[in-house]
Amino acid sequence: MKSLELWQSVNADRQWKEWLNKKGNDGTLIDTDDNVSFIDTETKKAVKITYEPNGKHEFEHWNSDFDSDEYKIDVLNIVFSNIEKAKSELPSILSNFNKN
């Protein structure tokens, strides 16, 4: 999965936990779409990454909110088709997202 490969390429400086990811009984990801998401419940921030191999965006990102029953979560959404571009741009975007 390119989305997971992108996430693993980033040396995250905090404890992110898997969020909204579907897994099989053996623990492997089974999403039919190539996307993953992770959450930091302490800071109420999440990252959702989607790989679209035939997508029109080499690398795009935006922020949105997710309202849970417990609290509002600030979400960084990432969509990409070019993994090399995504790997070069994600670290600084994630760093800025973490600072806010």
Protein backbone atom coordinates (compact mmCIF):
# COMPACT_ATOMS: atom_id res chain seq x y z
CA MET A 1 0.00 0.00 0.00
CA LYS A 2 1.50 3.29 -1.11
CA SER A 3 -0.39 5.23 1.56
CA LEU A 4 1.20 3.13 4.31
CA GLU A 5 4.60 3.37 2.62
CA LEU A 6 4.31 7.16 2.67
CA TRP A 7 3.36 7.21 6.36
CA GLN A 8 6.23 4.88 7.26
CA SER A 9 8.69 7.14 5.42
CA VAL A 10 7.95 9.94 7.90
CA ASN A 11 9.75 9.86 11.22
CA ALA A 12 6.81 11.03 13.34
CA ASP A 13 7.85 12.65 16.62
CA ARG A 14 4.79 11.62 18.61
CA GLN A 15 2.70 8.58 19.33
CA TRP A 16 0.24 8.13 16.50
CA LYS A 17 -2.28 5.30 16.72
CA GLU A 18 -4.10 3.66 13.85
CA TRP A 19 -7.52 5.19 13.28
CA LEU A 20 -10.40 4.11 11.03
CA ASN A 21 -8.25 1.42 9.36
CA LYS A 22 -9.81 -1.94 8.51
CA LYS A 23 -7.82 -5.03 9.45
CA GLY A 24 -8.19 -8.73 8.94
CA ASN A 25 -8.06 -11.30 11.73
CA ASP A 26 -4.31 -11.61 11.24
CA GLY A 27 -3.82 -7.86 11.78
CA THR A 28 -3.01 -6.90 8.19
CA LEU A 29 -4.69 -3.92 6.58
CA ILE A 30 -7.53 -4.95 4.28
CA ASP A 31 -8.83 -1.63 3.00
CA THR A 32 -9.89 -2.00 -0.60
CA ASP A 33 -8.94 1.63 -1.16
CA ASP A 34 -5.31 2.53 -0.63
CA ASN A 35 -5.72 4.75 2.42
CA VAL A 36 -4.63 4.83 6.04
CA SER A 37 -5.29 7.13 8.96
CA PHE A 38 -3.64 7.77 12.30
CA ILE A 39 -4.64 9.77 15.36
CA ASP A 40 -2.97 11.42 18.33
CA THR A 41 -5.74 11.37 20.93
CA GLU A 42 -3.82 13.60 23.33
CA THR A 43 -3.66 16.54 20.89
CA LYS A 44 -6.86 15.58 19.06
CA LYS A 45 -5.14 15.54 15.67
CA ALA A 46 -5.37 12.96 12.90
CA VAL A 47 -3.78 12.31 9.52
CA LYS A 48 -5.61 10.60 6.66
CA ILE A 49 -3.56 9.54 3.62
CA THR A 50 -5.08 8.37 0.34
CA TYR A 51 -3.16 7.08 -2.67
CA GLU A 52 -4.92 7.45 -6.03
CA PRO A 53 -2.71 5.89 -8.72
CA ASN A 54 -4.75 7.44 -11.53
CA GLY A 55 -5.67 10.58 -9.61
CA LYS A 56 -5.28 14.09 -10.94
CA HIS A 57 -3.34 15.30 -7.88
CA GLU A 58 0.36 14.53 -7.59
CA PHE A 59 0.16 15.75 -4.00
CA GLU A 60 -2.61 17.75 -2.31
CA HIS A 61 -3.42 18.43 1.33
CA TRP A 62 -6.06 20.26 3.34
CA ASN A 63 -7.39 20.43 6.86
CA SER A 64 -10.85 19.45 8.02
CA ASP A 65 -12.64 18.63 11.26
CA PHE A 66 -14.08 15.35 12.46
CA ASP A 67 -16.64 15.56 15.22
CA SER A 68 -16.69 12.51 17.44
CA ASP A 69 -18.99 11.95 20.38
CA GLU A 70 -16.14 12.90 22.70
CA TYR A 71 -14.44 15.84 20.98
CA LYS A 72 -13.56 17.59 17.72
CA ILE A 73 -10.53 16.25 15.86
CA ASP A 74 -8.35 18.35 13.53
CA VAL A 75 -7.62 16.22 10.44
CA LEU A 76 -4.81 16.66 7.91
CA ASN A 77 -6.03 15.07 4.65
CA ILE A 78 -3.50 14.01 2.04
CA VAL A 79 -4.22 12.72 -1.46
CA PHE A 80 -1.41 11.80 -3.82
CA SER A 81 -0.51 9.95 -7.00
CA ASN A 82 3.25 10.70 -7.00
CA ILE A 83 4.89 9.02 -4.02
CA GLU A 84 8.27 10.68 -4.50
CA LYS A 85 6.71 14.15 -4.44
CA ALA A 86 4.61 13.14 -1.41
CA LYS A 87 7.67 11.82 0.45
CA SER A 88 9.52 15.08 -0.14
CA GLU A 89 6.63 17.36 0.90
CA LEU A 90 4.92 15.50 3.75
CA PRO A 91 7.59 15.97 6.46
CA SER A 92 7.35 19.79 6.47
CA ILE A 93 3.56 19.77 6.18
CA LEU A 94 3.27 17.31 9.06
CA SER A 95 5.70 19.38 11.12
CA ASN A 96 3.60 22.52 10.59
CA PHE A 97 0.42 20.59 11.38
CA ASN A 98 1.94 19.35 14.64
CA LYS A 99 2.90 22.89 15.71
CA ASN A 100 -0.63 24.28 15.47
